[in-house]
């Protein structure tokens, strides 16, 4: 079973996404803060995640890009999906290697995107 680390600072949004991911057979660990994400990445599951889904705006300070950079230092094969409610400002962010998913979105569509990423990686 593929493992996903979901980093989303809005608990209700995180819950909806996690449920959709679990519905398609993915194992999900949820972190509501950058510190929670770092703890998950360095904990007993370190290196076990196949996909990182992170909101770009995690509140004050650290961004989803920061979390993704650190995660990729630990696991270079990690696939990343960035989610954001500020899609109009993506040019300013400079999307790094990964897939961008603008809010609002259908959580089921996001789950299917994760499955596609995993399938593509299996056939690469």
PDB file of N, CA and C in Angstrom:
ATOM      1  N   UNK A   1       0.850  -1.177   0.000  1.00  0.00           N
ATOM      2  CA  UNK A   1       0.000   0.000   0.000  1.00  0.00           C
ATOM      3  C   UNK A   1       0.894   1.237   0.000  1.00  0.00           C
ATOM      4  N   UNK A   2       0.608   2.162  -0.890  1.00  0.00           N
ATOM      5  CA  UNK A   2       1.390   3.392  -0.997  1.00  0.00           C
ATOM      6  C   UNK A   2       1.086   4.308   0.186  1.00  0.00           C
ATOM      7  N   UNK A   3       2.108   5.031   0.618  1.00  0.00           N
ATOM      8  CA  UNK A   3       1.978   5.913   1.776  1.00  0.00           C
ATOM      9  C   UNK A   3       2.073   7.375   1.358  1.00  0.00           C
ATOM     10  N   UNK A   4       1.162   8.182   1.896  1.00  0.00           N
ATOM     11  CA  UNK A   4       1.077   9.606   1.584  1.00  0.00           C
ATOM     12  C   UNK A   4       1.232  10.402   2.870  1.00  0.00           C
ATOM     13  N   UNK A   5       2.062  11.445   2.810  1.00  0.00           N
ATOM     14  CA  UNK A   5       2.122  12.426   3.892  1.00  0.00           C
ATOM     15  C   UNK A   5       1.377  13.651   3.411  1.00  0.00           C
ATOM     16  N   UNK A   6       0.323  14.011   4.124  1.00  0.00           N
ATOM     17  CA  UNK A   6      -0.516  15.156   3.791  1.00  0.00           C
ATOM     18  C   UNK A   6      -0.230  16.276   4.776  1.00  0.00           C
ATOM     19  N   UNK A   7       0.165  17.443   4.264  1.00  0.00           N
ATOM     20  CA  UNK A   7       0.449  18.601   5.110  1.00  0.00           C
ATOM     21  C   UNK A   7      -0.535  19.701   4.727  1.00  0.00           C
ATOM     22  N   UNK A   8      -1.482  19.957   5.604  1.00  0.00           N
ATOM     23  CA  UNK A   8      -2.552  20.937   5.360  1.00  0.00           C
ATOM     24  C   UNK A   8      -2.920  21.551   6.700  1.00  0.00           C
ATOM     25  N   UNK A   9      -2.817  22.883   6.795  1.00  0.00           N
ATOM     26  CA  UNK A   9      -3.044  23.550   8.073  1.00  0.00           C
ATOM     27  C   UNK A   9      -4.516  23.713   8.442  1.00  0.00           C
ATOM     28  N   UNK A  10      -5.422  23.478   7.521  1.00  0.00           N
ATOM     29  CA  UNK A  10      -6.851  23.548   7.828  1.00  0.00           C
ATOM     30  C   UNK A  10      -7.350  22.131   8.107  1.00  0.00           C
ATOM     31  N   UNK A  11      -7.695  21.860   9.367  1.00  0.00           N
ATOM     32  CA  UNK A  11      -8.046  20.506   9.793  1.00  0.00           C
ATOM     33  C   UNK A  11      -9.202  19.908   8.993  1.00  0.00           C
ATOM     34  N   UNK A  12     -10.218  20.713   8.697  1.00  0.00           N
ATOM     35  CA  UNK A  12     -11.379  20.191   7.969  1.00  0.00           C
ATOM     36  C   UNK A  12     -10.995  19.785   6.549  1.00  0.00           C
ATOM     37  N   UNK A  13     -10.177  20.602   5.908  1.00  0.00           N
ATOM     38  CA  UNK A  13      -9.711  20.295   4.551  1.00  0.00           C
ATOM     39  C   UNK A  13      -8.838  19.042   4.581  1.00  0.00           C
ATOM     40  N   UNK A  14      -7.954  18.965   5.568  1.00  0.00           N
ATOM     41  CA  UNK A  14      -7.081  17.797   5.697  1.00  0.00           C
ATOM     42  C   UNK A  14      -7.899  16.519   5.861  1.00  0.00           C
ATOM     43  N   UNK A  15      -8.950  16.593   6.649  1.00  0.00           N
ATOM     44  CA  UNK A  15      -9.791  15.415   6.877  1.00  0.00           C
ATOM     45  C   UNK A  15     -10.481  14.961   5.589  1.00  0.00           C
ATOM     46  N   UNK A  16     -11.007  15.909   4.819  1.00  0.00           N
ATOM     47  CA  UNK A  16     -11.666  15.566   3.552  1.00  0.00           C
ATOM     48  C   UNK A  16     -10.692  14.916   2.570  1.00  0.00           C
ATOM     49  N   UNK A  17      -9.505  15.501   2.466  1.00  0.00           N
ATOM     50  CA  UNK A  17      -8.501  14.952   1.550  1.00  0.00           C
ATOM     51  C   UNK A  17      -8.071  13.561   2.010  1.00  0.00           C
ATOM     52  N   UNK A  18      -7.800  13.414   3.303  1.00  0.00           N
ATOM     53  CA  UNK A  18      -7.359  12.121   3.836  1.00  0.00           C
ATOM     54  C   UNK A  18      -8.393  11.031   3.565  1.00  0.00           C
ATOM     55  N   UNK A  19      -9.665  11.345   3.753  1.00  0.00           N
ATOM     56  CA  UNK A  19     -10.722  10.359   3.495  1.00  0.00           C
ATOM     57  C   UNK A  19     -10.738   9.940   2.028  1.00  0.00           C
ATOM     58  N   UNK A  20     -10.602  10.902   1.118  1.00  0.00           N
ATOM     59  CA  UNK A  20     -10.599  10.581  -0.314  1.00  0.00           C
ATOM     60  C   UNK A  20      -9.401   9.704  -0.671  1.00  0.00           C
ATOM     61  N   UNK A  21      -8.256   9.993  -0.086  1.00  0.00           N
ATOM     62  CA  UNK A  21      -7.058   9.193  -0.351  1.00  0.00           C
ATOM     63  C   UNK A  21      -7.214   7.777   0.191  1.00  0.00           C
ATOM     64  N   UNK A  22      -7.771   7.663   1.380  1.00  0.00           N
ATOM     65  CA  UNK A  22      -7.994   6.341   1.969  1.00  0.00           C
ATOM     66  C   UNK A  22      -9.010   5.542   1.157  1.00  0.00           C
ATOM     67  N   UNK A  23      -9.990   6.230   0.593  1.00  0.00           N
ATOM     68  CA  UNK A  23     -11.014   5.561  -0.219  1.00  0.00           C
ATOM     69  C   UNK A  23     -10.438   4.891  -1.464  1.00  0.00           C
ATOM     70  N   UNK A  24      -9.293   5.377  -1.955  1.00  0.00           N
ATOM     71  CA  UNK A  24      -8.663   4.742  -3.119  1.00  0.00           C
ATOM     72  C   UNK A  24      -7.506   3.827  -2.699  1.00  0.00           C
ATOM     73  N   UNK A  25      -7.455   3.482  -1.410  1.00  0.00           N
ATOM     74  CA  UNK A  25      -6.505   2.489  -0.935  1.00  0.00           C
ATOM     75  C   UNK A  25      -5.141   2.994  -0.530  1.00  0.00           C
ATOM     76  N   UNK A  26      -5.028   4.283  -0.245  1.00  0.00           N
ATOM     77  CA  UNK A  26      -3.741   4.840   0.166  1.00  0.00           C
ATOM     78  C   UNK A  26      -3.670   4.962   1.682  1.00  0.00           C
ATOM     79  N   UNK A  27      -2.477   4.795   2.215  1.00  0.00           N
ATOM     80  CA  UNK A  27      -2.241   4.986   3.645  1.00  0.00           C
ATOM     81  C   UNK A  27      -1.851   6.444   3.850  1.00  0.00           C
ATOM     82  N   UNK A  28      -2.522   7.137   4.762  1.00  0.00           N
ATOM     83  CA  UNK A  28      -2.327   8.581   4.905  1.00  0.00           C
ATOM     84  C   UNK A  28      -1.881   8.939   6.318  1.00  0.00           C
ATOM     85  N   UNK A  29      -0.835   9.755   6.391  1.00  0.00           N
ATOM     86  CA  UNK A  29      -0.426  10.404   7.629  1.00  0.00           C
ATOM     87  C   UNK A  29      -0.677  11.885   7.423  1.00  0.00           C
ATOM     88  N   UNK A  30      -1.356  12.517   8.376  1.00  0.00           N
ATOM     89  CA  UNK A  30      -1.692  13.931   8.247  1.00  0.00           C
ATOM     90  C   UNK A  30      -0.895  14.758   9.246  1.00  0.00           C
ATOM     91  N   UNK A  31      -0.358  15.877   8.767  1.00  0.00           N
ATOM     92  CA  UNK A  31       0.320  16.856   9.620  1.00  0.00           C
ATOM     93  C   UNK A  31      -0.345  18.205   9.388  1.00  0.00           C
ATOM     94  N   UNK A  32      -0.664  18.906  10.467  1.00  0.00           N
ATOM     95  CA  UNK A  32      -1.325  20.205  10.361  1.00  0.00           C
ATOM     96  C   UNK A  32      -0.345  21.371  10.387  1.00  0.00           C
ATOM     97  N   UNK A  33       0.934  21.077  10.639  1.00  0.00           N
ATOM     98  CA  UNK A  33       1.963  22.121  10.706  1.00  0.00           C
ATOM     99  C   UNK A  33       3.243  21.622  10.039  1.00  0.00           C
ATOM    100  N   UNK A  34       4.138  22.556   9.762  1.00  0.00           N
ATOM    101  CA  UNK A  34       5.435  22.164   9.222  1.00  0.00           C
ATOM    102  C   UNK A  34       6.188  21.289  10.220  1.00  0.00           C
ATOM    103  N   UNK A  35       6.097  21.614  11.496  1.00  0.00           N
ATOM    104  CA  UNK A  35       6.793  20.825  12.515  1.00  0.00           C
ATOM    105  C   UNK A  35       6.248  19.400  12.585  1.00  0.00           C
ATOM    106  N   UNK A  36       4.929  19.264  12.424  1.00  0.00           N
ATOM    107  CA  UNK A  36       4.333  17.933  12.377  1.00  0.00           C
ATOM    108  C   UNK A  36       4.826  17.147  11.176  1.00  0.00           C
ATOM    109  N   UNK A  37       4.977  17.840  10.053  1.00  0.00           N
ATOM    110  CA  UNK A  37       5.490  17.192   8.845  1.00  0.00           C
ATOM    111  C   UNK A  37       6.929  16.734   9.048  1.00  0.00           C
ATOM    112  N   UNK A  38       7.759  17.603   9.620  1.00  0.00           N
ATOM    113  CA  UNK A  38       9.158  17.244   9.847  1.00  0.00           C
ATOM    114  C   UNK A  38       9.267  16.059  10.804  1.00  0.00           C
ATOM    115  N   UNK A  39       8.418  16.041  11.827  1.00  0.00           N
ATOM    116  CA  UNK A  39       8.423  14.919  12.773  1.00  0.00           C
ATOM    117  C   UNK A  39       8.048  13.619  12.062  1.00  0.00           C
ATOM    118  N   UNK A  40       7.049  13.678  11.185  1.00  0.00           N
ATOM    119  CA  UNK A  40       6.637  12.482  10.443  1.00  0.00           C
ATOM    120  C   UNK A  40       7.744  12.018   9.503  1.00  0.00           C
ATOM    121  N   UNK A  41       8.413  12.955   8.857  1.00  0.00           N
ATOM    122  CA  UNK A  41       9.468  12.616   7.901  1.00  0.00           C
ATOM    123  C   UNK A  41      10.689  12.001   8.574  1.00  0.00           C
ATOM    124  N   UNK A  42      10.904  12.329   9.846  1.00  0.00           N
ATOM    125  CA  UNK A  42      12.083  11.839  10.542  1.00  0.00           C
ATOM    126  C   UNK A  42      11.751  10.782  11.585  1.00  0.00           C
ATOM    127  N   UNK A  43      10.481  10.439  11.716  1.00  0.00           N
ATOM    128  CA  UNK A  43      10.051   9.460  12.707  1.00  0.00           C
ATOM    129  C   UNK A  43      10.250   8.037  12.227  1.00  0.00           C
ATOM    130  N   UNK A  44       9.478   7.143  12.811  1.00  0.00           N
ATOM    131  CA  UNK A  44       9.609   5.720  12.493  1.00  0.00           C
ATOM    132  C   UNK A  44       9.288   5.407  11.034  1.00  0.00           C
ATOM    133  N   UNK A  45       8.562   6.297  10.357  1.00  0.00           N
ATOM    134  CA  UNK A  45       8.203   6.089   8.950  1.00  0.00           C
ATOM    135  C   UNK A  45       9.159   6.818   8.004  1.00  0.00           C
ATOM    136  N   UNK A  46      10.239   7.328   8.497  1.00  0.00           N
ATOM    137  CA  UNK A  46      11.192   8.073   7.665  1.00  0.00           C
ATOM    138  C   UNK A  46      11.543   7.279   6.416  1.00  0.00           C
ATOM    139  N   UNK A  47      11.428   7.916   5.271  1.00  0.00           N
ATOM    140  CA  UNK A  47      11.751   7.285   4.005  1.00  0.00           C
ATOM    141  C   UNK A  47      10.660   6.389   3.444  1.00  0.00           C
ATOM    142  N   UNK A  48       9.569   6.213   4.177  1.00  0.00           N
ATOM    143  CA  UNK A  48       8.514   5.288   3.748  1.00  0.00           C
ATOM    144  C   UNK A  48       7.434   5.950   2.897  1.00  0.00           C
ATOM    145  N   UNK A  49       7.438   7.271   2.796  1.00  0.00           N
ATOM    146  CA  UNK A  49       6.383   7.959   2.050  1.00  0.00           C
ATOM    147  C   UNK A  49       6.679   7.937   0.553  1.00  0.00           C
ATOM    148  N   UNK A  50       5.632   7.688  -0.213  1.00  0.00           N
ATOM    149  CA  UNK A  50       5.736   7.683  -1.667  1.00  0.00           C
ATOM    150  C   UNK A  50       5.360   9.034  -2.259  1.00  0.00           C
ATOM    151  N   UNK A  51       4.420   9.716  -1.597  1.00  0.00           N
ATOM    152  CA  UNK A  51       3.907  10.997  -2.090  1.00  0.00           C
ATOM    153  C   UNK A  51       3.764  11.958  -0.921  1.00  0.00           C
ATOM    154  N   UNK A  52       4.146  13.208  -1.165  1.00  0.00           N
ATOM    155  CA  UNK A  52       3.901  14.308  -0.238  1.00  0.00           C
ATOM    156  C   UNK A  52       2.876  15.219  -0.891  1.00  0.00           C
ATOM    157  N   UNK A  53       1.785  15.489  -0.180  1.00  0.00           N
ATOM    158  CA  UNK A  53       0.816  16.489  -0.619  1.00  0.00           C
ATOM    159  C   UNK A  53       0.907  17.608   0.399  1.00  0.00           C
ATOM    160  N   UNK A  54       1.261  18.805  -0.058  1.00  0.00           N
ATOM    161  CA  UNK A  54       1.419  19.906   0.881  1.00  0.00           C
ATOM    162  C   UNK A  54       0.771  21.180   0.377  1.00  0.00           C
ATOM    163  N   UNK A  55       0.065  21.830   1.281  1.00  0.00           N
ATOM    164  CA  UNK A  55      -0.439  23.165   1.007  1.00  0.00           C
ATOM    165  C   UNK A  55       0.784  24.075   0.916  1.00  0.00           C
ATOM    166  N   UNK A  56       0.752  25.042   0.035  1.00  0.00           N
ATOM    167  CA  UNK A  56       1.881  25.972  -0.059  1.00  0.00           C
ATOM    168  C   UNK A  56       1.882  26.923   1.128  1.00  0.00           C
ATOM    169  N   UNK A  57       0.719  27.456   1.455  1.00  0.00           N
ATOM    170  CA  UNK A  57       0.612  28.409   2.554  1.00  0.00           C
ATOM    171  C   UNK A  57       0.246  27.659   3.828  1.00  0.00           C
ATOM    172  N   UNK A  58       1.223  27.495   4.710  1.00  0.00           N
ATOM    173  CA  UNK A  58       1.005  26.777   5.963  1.00  0.00           C
ATOM    174  C   UNK A  58       0.871  27.722   7.149  1.00  0.00           C
ATOM    175  N   UNK A  59       0.512  28.957   6.872  1.00  0.00           N
ATOM    176  CA  UNK A  59       0.401  29.939   7.944  1.00  0.00           C
ATOM    177  C   UNK A  59       1.604  30.856   7.915  1.00  0.00           C
ATOM    178  N   UNK A  60       2.105  31.201   9.067  1.00  0.00           N
ATOM    179  CA  UNK A  60       3.224  32.129   9.179  1.00  0.00           C
ATOM    180  C   UNK A  60       4.544  31.384   9.008  1.00  0.00           C
ATOM    181  N   UNK A  61       5.428  31.950   8.188  1.00  0.00           N
ATOM    182  CA  UNK A  61       6.779  31.409   8.084  1.00  0.00           C
ATOM    183  C   UNK A  61       6.945  30.359   7.011  1.00  0.00           C
ATOM    184  N   UNK A  62       7.133  29.129   7.421  1.00  0.00           N
ATOM    185  CA  UNK A  62       7.449  28.025   6.527  1.00  0.00           C
ATOM    186  C   UNK A  62       6.365  27.806   5.482  1.00  0.00           C
ATOM    187  N   UNK A  63       6.795  27.474   4.269  1.00  0.00           N
ATOM    188  CA  UNK A  63       5.854  27.176   3.186  1.00  0.00           C
ATOM    189  C   UNK A  63       5.897  25.688   2.851  1.00  0.00           C
ATOM    190  N   UNK A  64       4.966  25.273   2.034  1.00  0.00           N
ATOM    191  CA  UNK A  64       4.980  23.903   1.541  1.00  0.00           C
ATOM    192  C   UNK A  64       6.221  23.606   0.718  1.00  0.00           C
ATOM    193  N   UNK A  65       6.763  24.631   0.054  1.00  0.00           N
ATOM    194  CA  UNK A  65       8.010  24.449  -0.694  1.00  0.00           C
ATOM    195  C   UNK A  65       9.145  24.077   0.253  1.00  0.00           C
ATOM    196  N   UNK A  66       9.183  24.723   1.424  1.00  0.00           N
ATOM    197  CA  UNK A  66      10.211  24.409   2.423  1.00  0.00           C
ATOM    198  C   UNK A  66      10.086  22.958   2.888  1.00  0.00           C
ATOM    199  N   UNK A  67       8.855  22.547   3.160  1.00  0.00           N
ATOM    200  CA  UNK A  67       8.607  21.169   3.598  1.00  0.00           C
ATOM    201  C   UNK A  67       9.041  20.190   2.506  1.00  0.00           C
ATOM    202  N   UNK A  68       8.685  20.491   1.248  1.00  0.00           N
ATOM    203  CA  UNK A  68       9.036  19.598   0.140  1.00  0.00           C
ATOM    204  C   UNK A  68      10.550  19.497  -0.043  1.00  0.00           C
ATOM    205  N   UNK A  69      11.256  20.615   0.064  1.00  0.00           N
ATOM    206  CA  UNK A  69      12.721  20.588  -0.078  1.00  0.00           C
ATOM    207  C   UNK A  69      13.339  19.668   0.967  1.00  0.00           C
ATOM    208  N   UNK A  70      12.897  19.841   2.207  1.00  0.00           N
ATOM    209  CA  UNK A  70      13.446  19.024   3.295  1.00  0.00           C
ATOM    210  C   UNK A  70      13.081  17.548   3.100  1.00  0.00           C
ATOM    211  N   UNK A  71      11.846  17.305   2.678  1.00  0.00           N
ATOM    212  CA  UNK A  71      11.408  15.925   2.455  1.00  0.00           C
ATOM    213  C   UNK A  71      12.227  15.264   1.361  1.00  0.00           C
ATOM    214  N   UNK A  72      12.526  16.008   0.313  1.00  0.00           N
ATOM    215  CA  UNK A  72      13.301  15.440  -0.802  1.00  0.00           C
ATOM    216  C   UNK A  72      14.770  15.229  -0.426  1.00  0.00           C
ATOM    217  N   UNK A  73      15.257  15.957   0.558  1.00  0.00           N
ATOM    218  CA  UNK A  73      16.609  15.690   1.042  1.00  0.00           C
ATOM    219  C   UNK A  73      16.668  14.302   1.679  1.00  0.00           C
ATOM    220  N   UNK A  74      15.557  13.897   2.279  1.00  0.00           N
ATOM    221  CA  UNK A  74      15.484  12.601   2.942  1.00  0.00           C
ATOM    222  C   UNK A  74      15.081  11.475   1.992  1.00  0.00           C
ATOM    223  N   UNK A  75      14.344  11.818   0.937  1.00  0.00           N
ATOM    224  CA  UNK A  75      13.844  10.812  -0.001  1.00  0.00           C
ATOM    225  C   UNK A  75      13.762  11.436  -1.391  1.00  0.00           C
ATOM    226  N   UNK A  76      14.773  11.245  -2.194  1.00  0.00           N
ATOM    227  CA  UNK A  76      14.850  11.881  -3.517  1.00  0.00           C
ATOM    228  C   UNK A  76      13.784  11.381  -4.492  1.00  0.00           C
ATOM    229  N   UNK A  77      13.231  10.202  -4.264  1.00  0.00           N
ATOM    230  CA  UNK A  77      12.203   9.659  -5.161  1.00  0.00           C
ATOM    231  C   UNK A  77      10.793  10.129  -4.798  1.00  0.00           C
ATOM    232  N   UNK A  78      10.656  10.880  -3.753  1.00  0.00           N
ATOM    233  CA  UNK A  78       9.350  11.341  -3.285  1.00  0.00           C
ATOM    234  C   UNK A  78       8.667  12.195  -4.343  1.00  0.00           C
ATOM    235  N   UNK A  79       7.420  11.856  -4.666  1.00  0.00           N
ATOM    236  CA  UNK A  79       6.622  12.682  -5.561  1.00  0.00           C
ATOM    237  C   UNK A  79       5.873  13.706  -4.729  1.00  0.00           C
ATOM    238  N   UNK A  80       5.726  14.922  -5.272  1.00  0.00           N
ATOM    239  CA  UNK A  80       5.120  16.020  -4.518  1.00  0.00           C
ATOM    240  C   UNK A  80       3.950  16.610  -5.293  1.00  0.00           C
ATOM    241  N   UNK A  81       2.861  16.835  -4.564  1.00  0.00           N
ATOM    242  CA  UNK A  81       1.724  17.587  -5.089  1.00  0.00           C
ATOM    243  C   UNK A  81       1.550  18.793  -4.180  1.00  0.00           C
ATOM    244  N   UNK A  82       1.604  19.980  -4.783  1.00  0.00           N
ATOM    245  CA  UNK A  82       1.384  21.226  -4.047  1.00  0.00           C
ATOM    246  C   UNK A  82      -0.074  21.627  -4.221  1.00  0.00           C
ATOM    247  N   UNK A  83      -0.706  22.047  -3.128  1.00  0.00           N
ATOM    248  CA  UNK A  83      -2.068  22.569  -3.218  1.00  0.00           C
ATOM    249  C   UNK A  83      -2.069  24.003  -2.696  1.00  0.00           C
ATOM    250  N   UNK A  84      -2.888  24.841  -3.344  1.00  0.00           N
ATOM    251  CA  UNK A  84      -2.920  26.244  -2.938  1.00  0.00           C
ATOM    252  C   UNK A  84      -4.226  26.902  -3.337  1.00  0.00           C
ATOM    253  N   UNK A  85      -4.639  27.840  -2.536  1.00  0.00           N
ATOM    254  CA  UNK A  85      -5.807  28.651  -2.850  1.00  0.00           C
ATOM    255  C   UNK A  85      -5.422  29.923  -3.570  1.00  0.00           C
ATOM    256  N   UNK A  86      -4.139  30.106  -3.852  1.00  0.00           N
ATOM    257  CA  UNK A  86      -3.647  31.324  -4.490  1.00  0.00           C
ATOM    258  C   UNK A  86      -3.047  31.006  -5.853  1.00  0.00           C
ATOM    259  N   UNK A  87      -3.800  30.275  -6.659  1.00  0.00           N
ATOM    260  CA  UNK A  87      -3.289  29.828  -7.958  1.00  0.00           C
ATOM    261  C   UNK A  87      -2.875  30.992  -8.850  1.00  0.00           C
ATOM    262  N   UNK A  88      -3.519  32.139  -8.701  1.00  0.00           N
ATOM    263  CA  UNK A  88      -3.185  33.295  -9.538  1.00  0.00           C
ATOM    264  C   UNK A  88      -1.772  33.796  -9.261  1.00  0.00           C
ATOM    265  N   UNK A  89      -1.213  33.453  -8.104  1.00  0.00           N
ATOM    266  CA  UNK A  89       0.126  33.925  -7.743  1.00  0.00           C
ATOM    267  C   UNK A  89       1.202  32.863  -7.938  1.00  0.00           C
ATOM    268  N   UNK A  90       0.900  31.789  -8.643  1.00  0.00           N
ATOM    269  CA  UNK A  90       1.861  30.702  -8.780  1.00  0.00           C
ATOM    270  C   UNK A  90       3.128  31.125  -9.498  1.00  0.00           C
ATOM    271  N   UNK A  91       3.014  32.035 -10.458  1.00  0.00           N
ATOM    272  CA  UNK A  91       4.214  32.502 -11.152  1.00  0.00           C
ATOM    273  C   UNK A  91       5.196  33.119 -10.170  1.00  0.00           C
ATOM    274  N   UNK A  92       4.677  33.814  -9.188  1.00  0.00           N
ATOM    275  CA  UNK A  92       5.535  34.432  -8.190  1.00  0.00           C
ATOM    276  C   UNK A  92       6.229  33.375  -7.345  1.00  0.00           C
ATOM    277  N   UNK A  93       5.519  32.279  -7.054  1.00  0.00           N
ATOM    278  CA  UNK A  93       6.101  31.223  -6.231  1.00  0.00           C
ATOM    279  C   UNK A  93       7.204  30.483  -6.975  1.00  0.00           C
ATOM    280  N   UNK A  94       7.034  30.298  -8.287  1.00  0.00           N
ATOM    281  CA  UNK A  94       7.984  29.482  -9.036  1.00  0.00           C
ATOM    282  C   UNK A  94       7.819  28.029  -8.647  1.00  0.00           C
ATOM    283  N   UNK A  95       6.898  27.339  -9.281  1.00  0.00           N
ATOM    284  CA  UNK A  95       6.582  25.963  -8.911  1.00  0.00           C
ATOM    285  C   UNK A  95       7.809  25.087  -9.091  1.00  0.00           C
ATOM    286  N   UNK A  96       8.153  24.378  -8.043  1.00  0.00           N
ATOM    287  CA  UNK A  96       9.283  23.470  -8.091  1.00  0.00           C
ATOM    288  C   UNK A  96       8.804  22.115  -8.594  1.00  0.00           C
ATOM    289  N   UNK A  97       9.731  21.204  -8.785  1.00  0.00           N
ATOM    290  CA  UNK A  97       9.379  19.896  -9.336  1.00  0.00           C
ATOM    291  C   UNK A  97       8.229  19.275  -8.552  1.00  0.00           C
ATOM    292  N   UNK A  98       7.166  19.013  -9.258  1.00  0.00           N
ATOM    293  CA  UNK A  98       5.975  18.451  -8.633  1.00  0.00           C
ATOM    294  C   UNK A  98       4.746  18.840  -9.422  1.00  0.00           C
ATOM    295  N   UNK A  99       3.601  18.493  -8.906  1.00  0.00           N
ATOM    296  CA  UNK A  99       2.323  18.775  -9.545  1.00  0.00           C
ATOM    297  C   UNK A  99       1.608  19.845  -8.736  1.00  0.00           C
ATOM    298  N   UNK A 100       1.008  20.813  -9.425  1.00  0.00           N
ATOM    299  CA  UNK A 100       0.261  21.877  -8.755  1.00  0.00           C
ATOM    300  C   UNK A 100      -1.224  21.565  -8.847  1.00  0.00           C
ATOM    301  N   UNK A 101      -1.935  21.690  -7.733  1.00  0.00           N
ATOM    302  CA  UNK A 101      -3.373  21.452  -7.674  1.00  0.00           C
ATOM    303  C   UNK A 101      -4.009  22.666  -7.014  1.00  0.00           C
ATOM    304  N   UNK A 102      -4.669  23.537  -7.794  1.00  0.00           N
ATOM    305  CA  UNK A 102      -5.259  24.751  -7.214  1.00  0.00           C
ATOM    306  C   UNK A 102      -6.547  24.461  -6.449  1.00  0.00           C
ATOM    307  N   UNK A 103      -6.738  25.187  -5.335  1.00  0.00           N
ATOM    308  CA  UNK A 103      -7.995  25.117  -4.579  1.00  0.00           C
ATOM    309  C   UNK A 103      -8.975  26.083  -5.218  1.00  0.00           C
ATOM    310  N   UNK A 104     -10.253  25.864  -5.168  1.00  0.00           N
ATOM    311  CA  UNK A 104     -10.874  24.656  -4.614  1.00  0.00           C
ATOM    312  C   UNK A 104     -10.761  23.509  -5.608  1.00  0.00           C
ATOM    313  N   UNK A 105     -10.754  22.302  -5.093  1.00  0.00           N
ATOM    314  CA  UNK A 105     -10.688  21.123  -5.943  1.00  0.00           C
ATOM    315  C   UNK A 105     -11.542  20.032  -5.336  1.00  0.00           C
ATOM    316  N   UNK A 106     -11.801  19.033  -6.148  1.00  0.00           N
ATOM    317  CA  UNK A 106     -12.544  17.865  -5.712  1.00  0.00           C
ATOM    318  C   UNK A 106     -11.527  16.894  -5.110  1.00  0.00           C
ATOM    319  N   UNK A 107     -11.721  16.494  -3.865  1.00  0.00           N
ATOM    320  CA  UNK A 107     -10.764  15.618  -3.190  1.00  0.00           C
ATOM    321  C   UNK A 107     -10.603  14.286  -3.912  1.00  0.00           C
ATOM    322  N   UNK A 108     -11.662  13.806  -4.540  1.00  0.00           N
ATOM    323  CA  UNK A 108     -11.580  12.556  -5.293  1.00  0.00           C
ATOM    324  C   UNK A 108     -10.661  12.714  -6.498  1.00  0.00           C
ATOM    325  N   UNK A 109     -10.717  13.879  -7.156  1.00  0.00           N
ATOM    326  CA  UNK A 109      -9.818  14.136  -8.282  1.00  0.00           C
ATOM    327  C   UNK A 109      -8.366  14.171  -7.818  1.00  0.00           C
ATOM    328  N   UNK A 110      -8.128  14.745  -6.645  1.00  0.00           N
ATOM    329  CA  UNK A 110      -6.776  14.772  -6.094  1.00  0.00           C
ATOM    330  C   UNK A 110      -6.298  13.349  -5.817  1.00  0.00           C
ATOM    331  N   UNK A 111      -7.160  12.525  -5.245  1.00  0.00           N
ATOM    332  CA  UNK A 111      -6.800  11.133  -4.963  1.00  0.00           C
ATOM    333  C   UNK A 111      -6.455  10.397  -6.255  1.00  0.00           C
ATOM    334  N   UNK A 112      -7.212  10.647  -7.300  1.00  0.00           N
ATOM    335  CA  UNK A 112      -6.929  10.013  -8.593  1.00  0.00           C
ATOM    336  C   UNK A 112      -5.600  10.507  -9.166  1.00  0.00           C
ATOM    337  N   UNK A 113      -5.272  11.778  -8.952  1.00  0.00           N
ATOM    338  CA  UNK A 113      -3.979  12.313  -9.400  1.00  0.00           C
ATOM    339  C   UNK A 113      -2.837  11.603  -8.680  1.00  0.00           C
ATOM    340  N   UNK A 114      -3.010  11.340  -7.396  1.00  0.00           N
ATOM    341  CA  UNK A 114      -1.989  10.617  -6.635  1.00  0.00           C
ATOM    342  C   UNK A 114      -1.805   9.217  -7.217  1.00  0.00           C
ATOM    343  N   UNK A 115      -2.903   8.535  -7.484  1.00  0.00           N
ATOM    344  CA  UNK A 115      -2.819   7.195  -8.066  1.00  0.00           C
ATOM    345  C   UNK A 115      -2.099   7.236  -9.419  1.00  0.00           C
ATOM    346  N   UNK A 116      -2.386   8.248 -10.232  1.00  0.00           N
ATOM    347  CA  UNK A 116      -1.723   8.396 -11.530  1.00  0.00           C
ATOM    348  C   UNK A 116      -0.221   8.593 -11.351  1.00  0.00           C
ATOM    349  N   UNK A 117       0.173   9.441 -10.404  1.00  0.00           N
ATOM    350  CA  UNK A 117       1.598   9.652 -10.128  1.00  0.00           C
ATOM    351  C   UNK A 117       2.276   8.345  -9.738  1.00  0.00           C
ATOM    352  N   UNK A 118       1.616   7.587  -8.887  1.00  0.00           N
ATOM    353  CA  UNK A 118       2.184   6.322  -8.437  1.00  0.00           C
ATOM    354  C   UNK A 118       2.274   5.319  -9.579  1.00  0.00           C
ATOM    355  N   UNK A 119       1.239   5.260 -10.413  1.00  0.00           N
ATOM    356  CA  UNK A 119       1.257   4.357 -11.568  1.00  0.00           C
ATOM    357  C   UNK A 119       2.363   4.737 -12.544  1.00  0.00           C
ATOM    358  N   UNK A 120       2.519   6.047 -12.797  1.00  0.00           N
ATOM    359  CA  UNK A 120       3.572   6.519 -13.699  1.00  0.00           C
ATOM    360  C   UNK A 120       4.947   6.143 -13.164  1.00  0.00           C
ATOM    361  N   UNK A 121       5.135   6.263 -11.854  1.00  0.00           N
ATOM    362  CA  UNK A 121       6.421   5.931 -11.245  1.00  0.00           C
ATOM    363  C   UNK A 121       6.704   4.435 -11.352  1.00  0.00           C
ATOM    364  N   UNK A 122       5.654   3.617 -11.240  1.00  0.00           N
ATOM    365  CA  UNK A 122       5.824   2.167 -11.343  1.00  0.00           C
ATOM    366  C   UNK A 122       6.224   1.736 -12.746  1.00  0.00           C
ATOM    367  N   UNK A 123       5.839   2.540 -13.750  1.00  0.00           N
ATOM    368  CA  UNK A 123       6.125   2.191 -15.138  1.00  0.00           C
ATOM    369  C   UNK A 123       7.338   2.928 -15.704  1.00  0.00           C
ATOM    370  N   UNK A 124       8.000   3.703 -14.872  1.00  0.00           N
ATOM    371  CA  UNK A 124       9.160   4.482 -15.344  1.00  0.00           C
ATOM    372  C   UNK A 124      10.414   3.639 -15.354  1.00  0.00           C
TER     373      UNK A 124
END
